[in-house]
Amino acid sequence: MDKLPITLVVVTLNEEANLDRCLCAAEFCAEIIIVDSGSTDRTLEIAAQYNARIFHRTWTGYRDQKNFGAQQATQNWIFCIDADEVVSEELRRSIVDSLVTDPDCDGFDVNRHAFYAGRPINHSGWYPQWRTFLYRREKAEWGGREPHTVVVFHGTRKLKLRGDLNHYTYANIKQHLTKNLHAAYDAARAMHEDGQRVSLWTLVSRSVWAFFRTYVVQRGLLDGFYGFVIAAASASYTFNKYAMLRELTTYKHSTD
């Protein structure tokens, strides 16, 4: 098939287990840019097999890495996804059709569908999950607070695409909890830099609410065992984030 005027941007660090699947499903893109922060596995070898333009850049956060990649693009459209995200066949067809039938559109929202240990998660606040992943190069950039960055859209018209972007999140619970701890640390540091403080009551109440919201309000109970794990991990993430923020603001020393 003919390539579309899209630059695929993927930020990587030791993604050999995911990258081939990600790039293979997005071969309709005319250009692939990899922003790598020091991979020591086969990540760069796999990227080279897809003729990707590889940039070596010290890690400065998801927002900066993604914006840097987008700034190197030569195509009119940016499609920025993670290495563990895979374009479904329906989504691919929708992208192809939409770029032809909606030439005046400045961006497209995509529904991300999470998988946990290979199992689809249909609730828990993980699905549906609409995000802007495809946009005109000059009409958006990545913003938000680390580690939860989002696309800040400046265009005039945006539509939703059919089909899911499959997100293969965690292979097991150990991987989930390990990543959660690092994400909580990054969030605490960002909140501290913004001058935020937290009380013990807030720490406790928001942790409890995180579990209730995920498991009951967002119907995580319908996702079975892993729905319960996700709710418990959400509470743990919230507790760790606010606990580390309180340590930074109250005890005045680094949590490194």
C-alpha atoms as a PDB file:
ATOM      1  CA  MET A   1       0.000   0.000   0.000  1.00  0.00           C
ATOM      2  CA  ASP A   2       1.025   3.615  -0.528  1.00  0.00           C
ATOM      3  CA  LYS A   3       2.513   5.309   2.497  1.00  0.00           C
ATOM      4  CA  LEU A   4       0.521   8.056   4.185  1.00  0.00           C
ATOM      5  CA  PRO A   5       2.051  11.492   4.979  1.00  0.00           C
ATOM      6  CA  ILE A   6       2.428  10.544   8.640  1.00  0.00           C
ATOM      7  CA  THR A   7       5.481  10.531  10.882  1.00  0.00           C
ATOM      8  CA  LEU A   8       5.260   7.812  13.525  1.00  0.00           C
ATOM      9  CA  VAL A   9       7.060   8.896  16.725  1.00  0.00           C
ATOM     10  CA  VAL A  10       7.990   6.274  19.309  1.00  0.00           C
ATOM     11  CA  VAL A  11       9.987   6.935  22.490  1.00  0.00           C
ATOM     12  CA  THR A  12      12.032   3.918  23.534  1.00  0.00           C
ATOM     13  CA  LEU A  13      14.226   2.409  26.225  1.00  0.00           C
ATOM     14  CA  ASN A  14      14.859  -1.342  25.988  1.00  0.00           C
ATOM     15  CA  GLU A  15      11.675  -2.147  24.062  1.00  0.00           C
ATOM     16  CA  GLU A  16      12.805  -5.192  22.099  1.00  0.00           C
ATOM     17  CA  ALA A  17       9.836  -7.198  23.419  1.00  0.00           C
ATOM     18  CA  ASN A  18       7.330  -4.712  21.990  1.00  0.00           C
ATOM     19  CA  LEU A  19       8.815  -2.646  19.182  1.00  0.00           C
ATOM     20  CA  ASP A  20       8.573  -5.051  16.246  1.00  0.00           C
ATOM     21  CA  ARG A  21       4.836  -5.567  16.818  1.00  0.00           C
ATOM     22  CA  CYS A  22       4.312  -1.809  17.144  1.00  0.00           C
ATOM     23  CA  LEU A  23       6.218  -0.828  13.992  1.00  0.00           C
ATOM     24  CA  CYS A  24       4.858  -3.662  11.863  1.00  0.00           C
ATOM     25  CA  ALA A  25       1.270  -2.543  12.503  1.00  0.00           C
ATOM     26  CA  ALA A  26       2.120   1.064  11.556  1.00  0.00           C
ATOM     27  CA  GLU A  27       3.967   0.480   8.284  1.00  0.00           C
ATOM     28  CA  PHE A  28       1.434   2.702   6.514  1.00  0.00           C
ATOM     29  CA  CYS A  29       3.353   5.705   7.922  1.00  0.00           C
ATOM     30  CA  ALA A  30       5.789   7.346   5.506  1.00  0.00           C
ATOM     31  CA  GLU A  31       8.335   8.041   8.232  1.00  0.00           C
ATOM     32  CA  ILE A  32       9.319   6.449  11.530  1.00  0.00           C
ATOM     33  CA  ILE A  33      11.225   8.353  14.208  1.00  0.00           C
ATOM     34  CA  ILE A  34      12.656   6.628  17.262  1.00  0.00           C
ATOM     35  CA  VAL A  35      13.779   8.746  20.216  1.00  0.00           C
ATOM     36  CA  ASP A  36      15.912   6.417  22.325  1.00  0.00           C
ATOM     37  CA  SER A  37      17.341   7.166  25.748  1.00  0.00           C
ATOM     38  CA  GLY A  38      19.991   4.471  25.991  1.00  0.00           C
ATOM     39  CA  SER A  39      18.679   1.040  25.019  1.00  0.00           C
ATOM     40  CA  THR A  40      21.073  -1.842  25.621  1.00  0.00           C
ATOM     41  CA  ASP A  41      18.945  -4.604  24.088  1.00  0.00           C
ATOM     42  CA  ARG A  42      17.879  -5.129  20.426  1.00  0.00           C
ATOM     43  CA  THR A  43      15.612  -2.060  20.301  1.00  0.00           C
ATOM     44  CA  LEU A  44      17.773  -0.097  17.877  1.00  0.00           C
ATOM     45  CA  GLU A  45      18.433  -3.139  15.707  1.00  0.00           C
ATOM     46  CA  ILE A  46      14.694  -3.669  15.314  1.00  0.00           C
ATOM     47  CA  ALA A  47      14.153   0.027  14.569  1.00  0.00           C
ATOM     48  CA  ALA A  48      16.799  -0.094  11.851  1.00  0.00           C
ATOM     49  CA  GLN A  49      14.976  -2.986  10.160  1.00  0.00           C
ATOM     50  CA  TYR A  50      12.067  -0.574   9.576  1.00  0.00           C
ATOM     51  CA  ASN A  51      14.354   2.173   8.230  1.00  0.00           C
ATOM     52  CA  ALA A  52      13.557   4.351  11.209  1.00  0.00           C
ATOM     53  CA  ARG A  53      15.366   7.608  11.841  1.00  0.00           C
ATOM     54  CA  ILE A  54      16.957   7.064  15.241  1.00  0.00           C
ATOM     55  CA  PHE A  55      17.779   9.894  17.631  1.00  0.00           C
ATOM     56  CA  HIS A  56      19.814   9.273  20.786  1.00  0.00           C
ATOM     57  CA  ARG A  57      18.640  11.618  23.534  1.00  0.00           C
ATOM     58  CA  THR A  58      19.193  11.612  27.289  1.00  0.00           C
ATOM     59  CA  TRP A  59      15.907  11.077  29.096  1.00  0.00           C
ATOM     60  CA  THR A  60      14.181  14.360  30.020  1.00  0.00           C
ATOM     61  CA  GLY A  61      10.623  13.091  30.497  1.00  0.00           C
ATOM     62  CA  TYR A  62       7.867  11.770  28.246  1.00  0.00           C
ATOM     63  CA  ARG A  63       6.658  15.228  27.224  1.00  0.00           C
ATOM     64  CA  ASP A  64      10.071  16.480  26.126  1.00  0.00           C
ATOM     65  CA  GLN A  65      11.045  13.264  24.362  1.00  0.00           C
ATOM     66  CA  LYS A  66       7.799  13.140  22.374  1.00  0.00           C
ATOM     67  CA  ASN A  67       7.917  16.811  21.450  1.00  0.00           C
ATOM     68  CA  PHE A  68      11.529  16.421  20.348  1.00  0.00           C
ATOM     69  CA  GLY A  69      10.568  13.521  18.095  1.00  0.00           C
ATOM     70  CA  ALA A  70       7.675  15.464  16.588  1.00  0.00           C
ATOM     71  CA  GLN A  71       9.979  18.412  15.881  1.00  0.00           C
ATOM     72  CA  GLN A  72      12.179  16.175  13.713  1.00  0.00           C
ATOM     73  CA  ALA A  73       9.263  15.079  11.516  1.00  0.00           C
ATOM     74  CA  THR A  74       9.225  15.745   7.781  1.00  0.00           C
ATOM     75  CA  GLN A  75       5.599  14.702   7.236  1.00  0.00           C
ATOM     76  CA  ASN A  76       2.464  16.810   7.780  1.00  0.00           C
ATOM     77  CA  TRP A  77       0.911  14.454  10.334  1.00  0.00           C
ATOM     78  CA  ILE A  78       2.272  13.201  13.670  1.00  0.00           C
ATOM     79  CA  PHE A  79       1.217   9.831  15.063  1.00  0.00           C
ATOM     80  CA  CYS A  80       2.844   9.482  18.481  1.00  0.00           C
ATOM     81  CA  ILE A  81       2.366   6.202  20.328  1.00  0.00           C
ATOM     82  CA  ASP A  82       4.304   4.058  22.795  1.00  0.00           C
ATOM     83  CA  ALA A  83       6.209   0.920  21.882  1.00  0.00           C
ATOM     84  CA  ASP A  84       3.669  -1.266  23.684  1.00  0.00           C
ATOM     85  CA  GLU A  85       0.770   0.140  21.629  1.00  0.00           C
ATOM     86  CA  VAL A  86      -0.409  -1.567  18.436  1.00  0.00           C
ATOM     87  CA  VAL A  87      -2.698  -0.269  15.693  1.00  0.00           C
ATOM     88  CA  SER A  88      -5.622  -2.633  15.121  1.00  0.00           C
ATOM     89  CA  GLU A  89      -6.664  -3.467  11.558  1.00  0.00           C
ATOM     90  CA  GLU A  90      -9.903  -1.489  11.947  1.00  0.00           C
ATOM     91  CA  LEU A  91      -7.992   1.535  13.211  1.00  0.00           C
ATOM     92  CA  ARG A  92      -5.550   1.298  10.301  1.00  0.00           C
ATOM     93  CA  ARG A  93      -8.430   1.334   7.802  1.00  0.00           C
ATOM     94  CA  SER A  94     -10.026   4.251   9.631  1.00  0.00           C
ATOM     95  CA  ILE A  95      -6.805   6.290   9.502  1.00  0.00           C
ATOM     96  CA  VAL A  96      -6.385   5.625   5.787  1.00  0.00           C
ATOM     97  CA  ASP A  97     -10.017   6.532   5.022  1.00  0.00           C
ATOM     98  CA  SER A  98     -10.097   9.617   7.239  1.00  0.00           C
ATOM     99  CA  LEU A  99      -7.016  11.271   5.798  1.00  0.00           C
ATOM    100  CA  VAL A 100      -8.682  11.027   2.384  1.00  0.00           C
ATOM    101  CA  THR A 101     -12.272  11.952   3.310  1.00  0.00           C
ATOM    102  CA  ASP A 102     -11.542  14.593   5.995  1.00  0.00           C
ATOM    103  CA  PRO A 103      -8.639  16.643   4.606  1.00  0.00           C
ATOM    104  CA  ASP A 104      -9.644  19.730   6.621  1.00  0.00           C
ATOM    105  CA  CYS A 105      -9.486  17.972   9.976  1.00  0.00           C
ATOM    106  CA  ASP A 106      -6.574  18.938  12.249  1.00  0.00           C
ATOM    107  CA  GLY A 107      -6.568  15.960  14.578  1.00  0.00           C
ATOM    108  CA  PHE A 108      -8.072  12.594  15.429  1.00  0.00           C
ATOM    109  CA  ASP A 109      -8.912  10.963  18.746  1.00  0.00           C
ATOM    110  CA  VAL A 110      -8.208   7.252  19.138  1.00  0.00           C
ATOM    111  CA  ASN A 111      -9.768   4.815  21.597  1.00  0.00           C
ATOM    112  CA  ARG A 112      -7.005   2.996  23.480  1.00  0.00           C
ATOM    113  CA  HIS A 113      -7.855  -0.528  24.660  1.00  0.00           C
ATOM    114  CA  ALA A 114      -5.670  -1.865  27.450  1.00  0.00           C
ATOM    115  CA  PHE A 115      -4.557  -5.469  27.901  1.00  0.00           C
ATOM    116  CA  TYR A 116      -3.228  -6.804  31.215  1.00  0.00           C
ATOM    117  CA  ALA A 117      -1.180 -10.021  31.128  1.00  0.00           C
ATOM    118  CA  GLY A 118      -2.620 -10.558  27.639  1.00  0.00           C
ATOM    119  CA  ARG A 119      -6.238 -10.150  28.789  1.00  0.00           C
ATOM    120  CA  PRO A 120      -8.419  -7.266  27.582  1.00  0.00           C
ATOM    121  CA  ILE A 121      -9.541  -4.830  30.273  1.00  0.00           C
ATOM    122  CA  ASN A 122     -12.965  -3.460  29.368  1.00  0.00           C
ATOM    123  CA  HIS A 123     -13.638  -1.275  32.422  1.00  0.00           C
ATOM    124  CA  SER A 124     -11.583   0.019  35.409  1.00  0.00           C
ATOM    125  CA  GLY A 125     -11.216   3.428  33.751  1.00  0.00           C
ATOM    126  CA  TRP A 126      -8.943   1.783  31.190  1.00  0.00           C
ATOM    127  CA  TYR A 127     -11.552   1.424  28.446  1.00  0.00           C
ATOM    128  CA  PRO A 128     -12.951   3.316  26.700  1.00  0.00           C
ATOM    129  CA  GLN A 129     -10.044   5.771  26.835  1.00  0.00           C
ATOM    130  CA  TRP A 130     -10.073   8.415  24.107  1.00  0.00           C
ATOM    131  CA  ARG A 131      -6.806  10.267  23.461  1.00  0.00           C
ATOM    132  CA  THR A 132      -5.472  12.507  20.694  1.00  0.00           C
ATOM    133  CA  PHE A 133      -2.722  10.478  19.035  1.00  0.00           C
ATOM    134  CA  LEU A 134      -2.871  11.704  15.431  1.00  0.00           C
ATOM    135  CA  TYR A 135      -2.584  15.411  14.634  1.00  0.00           C
ATOM    136  CA  ARG A 136      -1.226  17.928  12.156  1.00  0.00           C
ATOM    137  CA  ARG A 137       2.338  18.803  13.027  1.00  0.00           C
ATOM    138  CA  GLU A 138       1.667  22.518  13.665  1.00  0.00           C
ATOM    139  CA  LYS A 139      -1.673  22.040  15.438  1.00  0.00           C
ATOM    140  CA  ALA A 140      -0.676  20.345  18.700  1.00  0.00           C
ATOM    141  CA  GLU A 141       2.135  19.457  21.078  1.00  0.00           C
ATOM    142  CA  TRP A 142       2.606  17.290  24.130  1.00  0.00           C
ATOM    143  CA  GLY A 143       1.945  18.894  27.497  1.00  0.00           C
ATOM    144  CA  GLY A 144       0.646  17.976  30.943  1.00  0.00           C
ATOM    145  CA  ARG A 145       2.468  16.869  34.063  1.00  0.00           C
ATOM    146  CA  GLU A 146       4.853  13.936  34.181  1.00  0.00           C
ATOM    147  CA  PRO A 147       4.322  11.068  33.895  1.00  0.00           C
ATOM    148  CA  HIS A 148       0.772  11.534  32.554  1.00  0.00           C
ATOM    149  CA  THR A 149       1.378  13.640  29.481  1.00  0.00           C
ATOM    150  CA  VAL A 150      -1.374  14.565  27.022  1.00  0.00           C
ATOM    151  CA  VAL A 151      -1.655  16.233  23.637  1.00  0.00           C
ATOM    152  CA  VAL A 152      -2.554  19.934  23.825  1.00  0.00           C
ATOM    153  CA  PHE A 153      -4.619  20.529  20.684  1.00  0.00           C
ATOM    154  CA  HIS A 154      -4.692  23.934  18.956  1.00  0.00           C
ATOM    155  CA  GLY A 155      -6.541  23.014  15.792  1.00  0.00           C
ATOM    156  CA  THR A 156     -10.062  23.940  14.760  1.00  0.00           C
ATOM    157  CA  ARG A 157     -11.551  20.511  14.018  1.00  0.00           C
ATOM    158  CA  LYS A 158     -11.007  17.072  15.513  1.00  0.00           C
ATOM    159  CA  LEU A 159     -12.793  13.766  14.897  1.00  0.00           C
ATOM    160  CA  LYS A 160     -12.880  10.281  16.435  1.00  0.00           C
ATOM    161  CA  LEU A 161     -11.498   7.300  14.571  1.00  0.00           C
ATOM    162  CA  ARG A 162     -13.020   3.833  14.420  1.00  0.00           C
ATOM    163  CA  GLY A 163     -11.037   0.937  15.819  1.00  0.00           C
ATOM    164  CA  ASP A 164      -8.830   0.531  18.853  1.00  0.00           C
ATOM    165  CA  LEU A 165      -5.209   1.232  19.621  1.00  0.00           C
ATOM    166  CA  ASN A 166      -4.354  -1.908  21.574  1.00  0.00           C
ATOM    167  CA  HIS A 167      -2.209  -1.135  24.601  1.00  0.00           C
ATOM    168  CA  TYR A 168      -0.302  -4.093  26.029  1.00  0.00           C
ATOM    169  CA  THR A 169       0.342  -2.558  29.426  1.00  0.00           C
ATOM    170  CA  TYR A 170       1.820  -5.076  31.867  1.00  0.00           C
ATOM    171  CA  ALA A 171       2.939  -8.656  31.456  1.00  0.00           C
ATOM    172  CA  ASN A 172       2.377  -9.389  35.147  1.00  0.00           C
ATOM    173  CA  ILE A 173       1.634  -7.809  38.519  1.00  0.00           C
ATOM    174  CA  LYS A 174       5.310  -7.375  39.435  1.00  0.00           C
ATOM    175  CA  GLN A 175       5.889  -5.250  36.330  1.00  0.00           C
ATOM    176  CA  HIS A 176       2.773  -3.194  37.089  1.00  0.00           C
ATOM    177  CA  LEU A 177       3.742  -2.415  40.674  1.00  0.00           C
ATOM    178  CA  THR A 178       7.347  -1.639  39.740  1.00  0.00           C
ATOM    179  CA  LYS A 179       6.307   0.854  37.059  1.00  0.00           C
ATOM    180  CA  ASN A 180       3.672   2.308  39.377  1.00  0.00           C
ATOM    181  CA  LEU A 181       6.303   3.104  41.974  1.00  0.00           C
ATOM    182  CA  HIS A 182       8.486   4.936  39.460  1.00  0.00           C
ATOM    183  CA  ALA A 183       5.446   6.817  38.089  1.00  0.00           C
ATOM    184  CA  ALA A 184       4.397   7.838  41.603  1.00  0.00           C
ATOM    185  CA  TYR A 185       7.879   9.200  42.248  1.00  0.00           C
ATOM    186  CA  ASP A 186       7.838  11.222  39.015  1.00  0.00           C
ATOM    187  CA  ALA A 187       4.387  12.597  39.845  1.00  0.00           C
ATOM    188  CA  ALA A 188       5.446  13.535  43.381  1.00  0.00           C
ATOM    189  CA  ARG A 189       8.494  15.398  42.101  1.00  0.00           C
ATOM    190  CA  ALA A 190       6.386  17.278  39.538  1.00  0.00           C
ATOM    191  CA  MET A 191       3.815  18.254  42.186  1.00  0.00           C
ATOM    192  CA  HIS A 192       6.580  19.358  44.528  1.00  0.00           C
ATOM    193  CA  GLU A 193       8.096  21.546  41.807  1.00  0.00           C
ATOM    194  CA  ASP A 194       4.648  23.119  41.347  1.00  0.00           C
ATOM    195  CA  GLY A 195       4.592  24.018  45.055  1.00  0.00           C
ATOM    196  CA  GLN A 196       1.854  21.576  46.043  1.00  0.00           C
ATOM    197  CA  ARG A 197       1.495  20.227  49.562  1.00  0.00           C
ATOM    198  CA  VAL A 198      -0.574  17.402  51.009  1.00  0.00           C
ATOM    199  CA  SER A 199      -2.172  16.670  54.384  1.00  0.00           C
ATOM    200  CA  LEU A 200      -2.388  13.242  55.997  1.00  0.00           C
ATOM    201  CA  TRP A 201      -6.161  13.322  55.514  1.00  0.00           C
ATOM    202  CA  THR A 202      -5.766  13.930  51.798  1.00  0.00           C
ATOM    203  CA  LEU A 203      -3.207  11.140  51.540  1.00  0.00           C
ATOM    204  CA  VAL A 204      -5.563   8.617  53.164  1.00  0.00           C
ATOM    205  CA  SER A 205      -8.872   9.754  51.666  1.00  0.00           C
ATOM    206  CA  ARG A 206      -7.636   9.963  48.092  1.00  0.00           C
ATOM    207  CA  SER A 207      -6.044   6.524  48.307  1.00  0.00           C
ATOM    208  CA  VAL A 208      -9.334   5.013  49.498  1.00  0.00           C
ATOM    209  CA  TRP A 209     -11.275   6.907  46.851  1.00  0.00           C
ATOM    210  CA  ALA A 210      -8.893   5.689  44.124  1.00  0.00           C
ATOM    211  CA  PHE A 211      -9.789   2.083  44.925  1.00  0.00           C
ATOM    212  CA  PHE A 212     -13.533   2.744  45.177  1.00  0.00           C
ATOM    213  CA  ARG A 213     -13.624   4.788  41.987  1.00  0.00           C
ATOM    214  CA  THR A 214     -11.727   2.184  39.958  1.00  0.00           C
ATOM    215  CA  TYR A 215     -13.411  -0.928  41.331  1.00  0.00           C
ATOM    216  CA  VAL A 216     -16.996   0.315  41.806  1.00  0.00           C
ATOM    217  CA  VAL A 217     -17.640   3.559  39.922  1.00  0.00           C
ATOM    218  CA  GLN A 218     -15.604   2.521  36.869  1.00  0.00           C
ATOM    219  CA  ARG A 219     -16.834  -1.089  37.215  1.00  0.00           C
ATOM    220  CA  GLY A 220     -13.458  -2.731  37.631  1.00  0.00           C
ATOM    221  CA  LEU A 221     -15.269  -5.557  39.415  1.00  0.00           C
ATOM    222  CA  LEU A 222     -16.432  -6.700  35.957  1.00  0.00           C
ATOM    223  CA  ASP A 223     -12.796  -7.211  34.926  1.00  0.00           C
ATOM    224  CA  GLY A 224     -12.393 -10.115  37.341  1.00  0.00           C
ATOM    225  CA  PHE A 225      -9.172 -10.740  39.236  1.00  0.00           C
ATOM    226  CA  TYR A 226      -7.149  -8.210  37.284  1.00  0.00           C
ATOM    227  CA  GLY A 227      -9.868  -5.613  37.814  1.00  0.00           C
ATOM    228  CA  PHE A 228      -9.303  -5.991  41.547  1.00  0.00           C
ATOM    229  CA  VAL A 229      -5.535  -5.820  41.067  1.00  0.00           C
ATOM    230  CA  ILE A 230      -5.869  -2.631  38.996  1.00  0.00           C
ATOM    231  CA  ALA A 231      -8.045  -1.007  41.677  1.00  0.00           C
ATOM    232  CA  ALA A 232      -5.613  -1.980  44.444  1.00  0.00           C
ATOM    233  CA  ALA A 233      -2.677  -0.737  42.364  1.00  0.00           C
ATOM    234  CA  SER A 234      -4.486   2.552  41.764  1.00  0.00           C
ATOM    235  CA  ALA A 235      -4.858   3.001  45.516  1.00  0.00           C
ATOM    236  CA  SER A 236      -1.203   2.080  46.040  1.00  0.00           C
ATOM    237  CA  TYR A 237      -0.060   4.512  43.336  1.00  0.00           C
ATOM    238  CA  THR A 238      -2.107   7.311  44.895  1.00  0.00           C
ATOM    239  CA  PHE A 239      -0.782   6.572  48.393  1.00  0.00           C
ATOM    240  CA  ASN A 240       2.843   6.421  47.215  1.00  0.00           C
ATOM    241  CA  LYS A 241       2.510   9.627  45.195  1.00  0.00           C
ATOM    242  CA  TYR A 242       1.139  11.679  48.065  1.00  0.00           C
ATOM    243  CA  ALA A 243       3.382  10.048  50.668  1.00  0.00           C
ATOM    244  CA  MET A 244       6.484  10.957  48.659  1.00  0.00           C
ATOM    245  CA  LEU A 245       5.131  14.460  48.069  1.00  0.00           C
ATOM    246  CA  ARG A 246       4.648  14.902  51.809  1.00  0.00           C
ATOM    247  CA  GLU A 247       8.163  13.627  52.455  1.00  0.00           C
ATOM    248  CA  LEU A 248       9.576  16.125  49.962  1.00  0.00           C
ATOM    249  CA  THR A 249       7.647  19.081  51.361  1.00  0.00           C
ATOM    250  CA  THR A 250       7.815  18.239  55.069  1.00  0.00           C
ATOM    251  CA  TYR A 251      11.192  16.608  55.605  1.00  0.00           C
ATOM    252  CA  LYS A 252      13.107  18.619  52.994  1.00  0.00           C
ATOM    253  CA  HIS A 253      15.224  15.849  51.543  1.00  0.00           C
ATOM    254  CA  SER A 254      15.269  13.931  48.307  1.00  0.00           C
ATOM    255  CA  THR A 255      13.434  10.647  47.881  1.00  0.00           C
ATOM    256  CA  ASP A 256      16.101   9.294  45.497  1.00  0.00           C
END
